[in-house]
Amino acid sequence: MTEKTLRKGFIAAGLMNIVAVLILSRFFTNEVIPEQDPVVMSNFGLLMIIVWGFLYIALAFNYRSAKWVVATVVIEKFIYVVAWLLWMINNNVIDVYEKDLFAGIFYSVYGINDFIFFLFFLYVFYKIQFKSTQS
């Protein structure tokens, strides 16, 4: 991947976190999302997802000098994927759709989105790590 593509990946990850949370939570007024997972997806948890989104955007132009921050993001994404898988195993997303369309969409896609960006950030970390060990 080119530098330009990688920068766009960081920006896309950030915008996905920020825009998706704001729209699907209806700017934190959607009560169904936090009701379904009050620990991970409380309104505070949703706010922190937005903060992570700003971090990804901030890293877009200087990620090479922050490889351990990128590694931290890999771990963060992995944790959200595991949380989503556990939620999917123990809940029925159809029930969420019956309560609220936006909450249903949120729970249907957040883990898939996090998995895709987990792979992206993992790739970036390995690319940085490989380049720095070759120098």
Protein backbone atom coordinates (compact mmCIF):
# COMPACT_ATOMS: atom_id res chain seq x y z
CA MET A 1 0.00 0.00 0.00
CA THR A 2 1.20 3.49 -0.75
CA GLU A 3 1.69 6.19 1.88
CA LYS A 4 -1.35 8.01 0.50
CA THR A 5 -3.49 4.87 0.79
CA LEU A 6 -2.34 4.25 4.34
CA ARG A 7 -3.15 7.85 5.33
CA LYS A 8 -6.60 7.43 3.81
CA GLY A 9 -7.03 4.21 5.80
CA PHE A 10 -6.35 6.02 9.07
CA ILE A 11 -8.77 8.79 8.10
CA ALA A 12 -11.42 6.26 7.03
CA ALA A 13 -11.09 4.41 10.35
CA GLY A 14 -11.49 7.66 12.23
CA LEU A 15 -14.49 8.79 10.24
CA MET A 16 -16.14 5.38 10.62
CA ASN A 17 -15.85 5.67 14.40
CA ILE A 18 -16.99 9.28 14.58
CA VAL A 19 -19.72 9.42 11.94
CA ALA A 20 -21.18 5.96 12.53
CA VAL A 21 -21.46 6.46 16.28
CA LEU A 22 -23.00 9.91 15.93
CA ILE A 23 -25.54 8.82 13.31
CA LEU A 24 -26.48 5.41 14.70
CA SER A 25 -26.66 6.67 18.29
CA ARG A 26 -28.62 9.70 17.05
CA PHE A 27 -26.08 11.93 18.79
CA PHE A 28 -26.30 9.84 21.99
CA THR A 29 -30.10 9.90 22.21
CA ASN A 30 -30.64 6.30 21.04
CA GLU A 31 -31.36 4.44 24.26
CA VAL A 32 -31.36 0.98 22.68
CA ILE A 33 -27.61 0.81 21.96
CA PRO A 34 -26.51 1.32 25.58
CA GLU A 35 -29.43 -0.80 26.83
CA GLN A 36 -28.15 -3.82 24.85
CA ASP A 37 -24.58 -3.60 26.16
CA PRO A 38 -24.42 -1.16 29.07
CA VAL A 39 -20.77 -1.87 29.85
CA VAL A 40 -19.09 -1.55 26.44
CA MET A 41 -21.64 0.60 24.60
CA SER A 42 -22.81 3.00 27.27
CA ASN A 43 -22.97 6.61 26.14
CA PHE A 44 -19.56 7.06 27.75
CA GLY A 45 -18.28 4.05 25.80
CA LEU A 46 -19.68 5.52 22.58
CA LEU A 47 -17.99 8.83 23.35
CA MET A 48 -14.69 7.02 23.83
CA ILE A 49 -15.15 5.33 20.44
CA ILE A 50 -15.38 8.83 18.94
CA VAL A 51 -12.20 9.84 20.81
CA TRP A 52 -10.42 6.80 19.33
CA GLY A 53 -11.66 7.99 15.93
CA PHE A 54 -9.98 11.34 16.43
CA LEU A 55 -6.79 9.50 17.43
CA TYR A 56 -6.80 7.53 14.16
CA ILE A 57 -7.15 10.76 12.18
CA ALA A 58 -4.38 12.39 14.22
CA LEU A 59 -2.10 9.45 13.38
CA ALA A 60 -2.78 9.65 9.64
CA PHE A 61 0.21 11.85 8.84
CA ASN A 62 2.72 10.71 11.47
CA TYR A 63 1.95 7.05 12.17
CA ARG A 64 5.50 5.99 11.27
CA SER A 65 6.89 7.85 14.26
CA ALA A 66 4.24 6.36 16.57
CA LYS A 67 4.50 2.63 15.92
CA TRP A 68 3.67 1.70 19.53
CA VAL A 69 0.54 3.84 19.37
CA VAL A 70 -0.39 1.91 16.23
CA ALA A 71 0.29 -1.33 18.15
CA THR A 72 -2.03 -0.09 20.90
CA VAL A 73 -4.73 0.55 18.29
CA VAL A 74 -4.30 -3.03 17.04
CA ILE A 75 -4.96 -4.29 20.57
CA GLU A 76 -7.91 -1.91 20.99
CA LYS A 77 -9.53 -3.13 17.76
CA PHE A 78 -8.94 -6.76 18.74
CA ILE A 79 -10.68 -6.18 22.08
CA TYR A 80 -13.71 -4.65 20.36
CA VAL A 81 -13.89 -7.59 17.93
CA VAL A 82 -13.86 -10.04 20.86
CA ALA A 83 -16.48 -7.97 22.71
CA TRP A 84 -18.67 -8.00 19.59
CA LEU A 85 -18.26 -11.76 19.09
CA LEU A 86 -19.21 -12.41 22.71
CA TRP A 87 -22.20 -10.11 22.34
CA MET A 88 -23.29 -11.90 19.13
CA ILE A 89 -22.98 -15.30 20.82
CA ASN A 90 -25.10 -14.21 23.79
CA ASN A 91 -27.69 -12.01 22.07
CA ASN A 92 -30.02 -11.99 19.10
CA VAL A 93 -29.49 -9.01 16.81
CA ILE A 94 -32.98 -9.51 15.35
CA ASP A 95 -34.39 -8.54 18.75
CA VAL A 96 -32.40 -5.31 18.56
CA TYR A 97 -33.74 -4.54 15.08
CA GLU A 98 -37.27 -4.98 16.45
CA LYS A 99 -36.54 -2.28 19.03
CA ASP A 100 -34.62 0.13 16.80
CA LEU A 101 -33.32 -0.03 13.23
CA PHE A 102 -30.21 2.09 13.91
CA ALA A 103 -29.26 0.03 16.96
CA GLY A 104 -29.72 -3.15 14.93
CA ILE A 105 -27.44 -1.81 12.21
CA PHE A 106 -24.91 -0.75 14.85
CA TYR A 107 -24.74 -4.20 16.45
CA SER A 108 -24.73 -5.94 13.05
CA VAL A 109 -21.70 -4.10 11.71
CA TYR A 110 -19.48 -2.73 14.45
CA GLY A 111 -17.50 -5.93 14.94
CA ILE A 112 -17.04 -6.47 11.21
CA ASN A 113 -15.84 -2.88 10.86
CA ASP A 114 -13.46 -3.30 13.79
CA PHE A 115 -12.11 -6.55 12.36
CA ILE A 116 -11.37 -4.92 9.01
CA PHE A 117 -9.56 -2.03 10.69
CA PHE A 118 -7.81 -4.45 13.07
CA LEU A 119 -6.29 -6.09 9.99
CA PHE A 120 -5.44 -2.69 8.51
CA PHE A 121 -3.70 -1.43 11.66
CA LEU A 122 -1.91 -4.77 12.10
CA TYR A 123 -0.62 -4.45 8.54
CA VAL A 124 0.55 -0.89 9.22
CA PHE A 125 2.31 -1.93 12.43
CA TYR A 126 4.13 -4.80 10.70
CA LYS A 127 5.04 -2.54 7.80
CA ILE A 128 6.53 0.03 10.22
CA GLN A 129 8.24 -2.68 12.26
CA PHE A 130 9.71 -4.39 9.19
CA LYS A 131 10.97 -1.12 7.70
CA SER A 132 12.51 0.01 11.01
CA THR A 133 14.36 -3.30 11.47
CA GLN A 134 15.74 -3.09 7.91
CA SER A 135 17.31 0.35 8.47
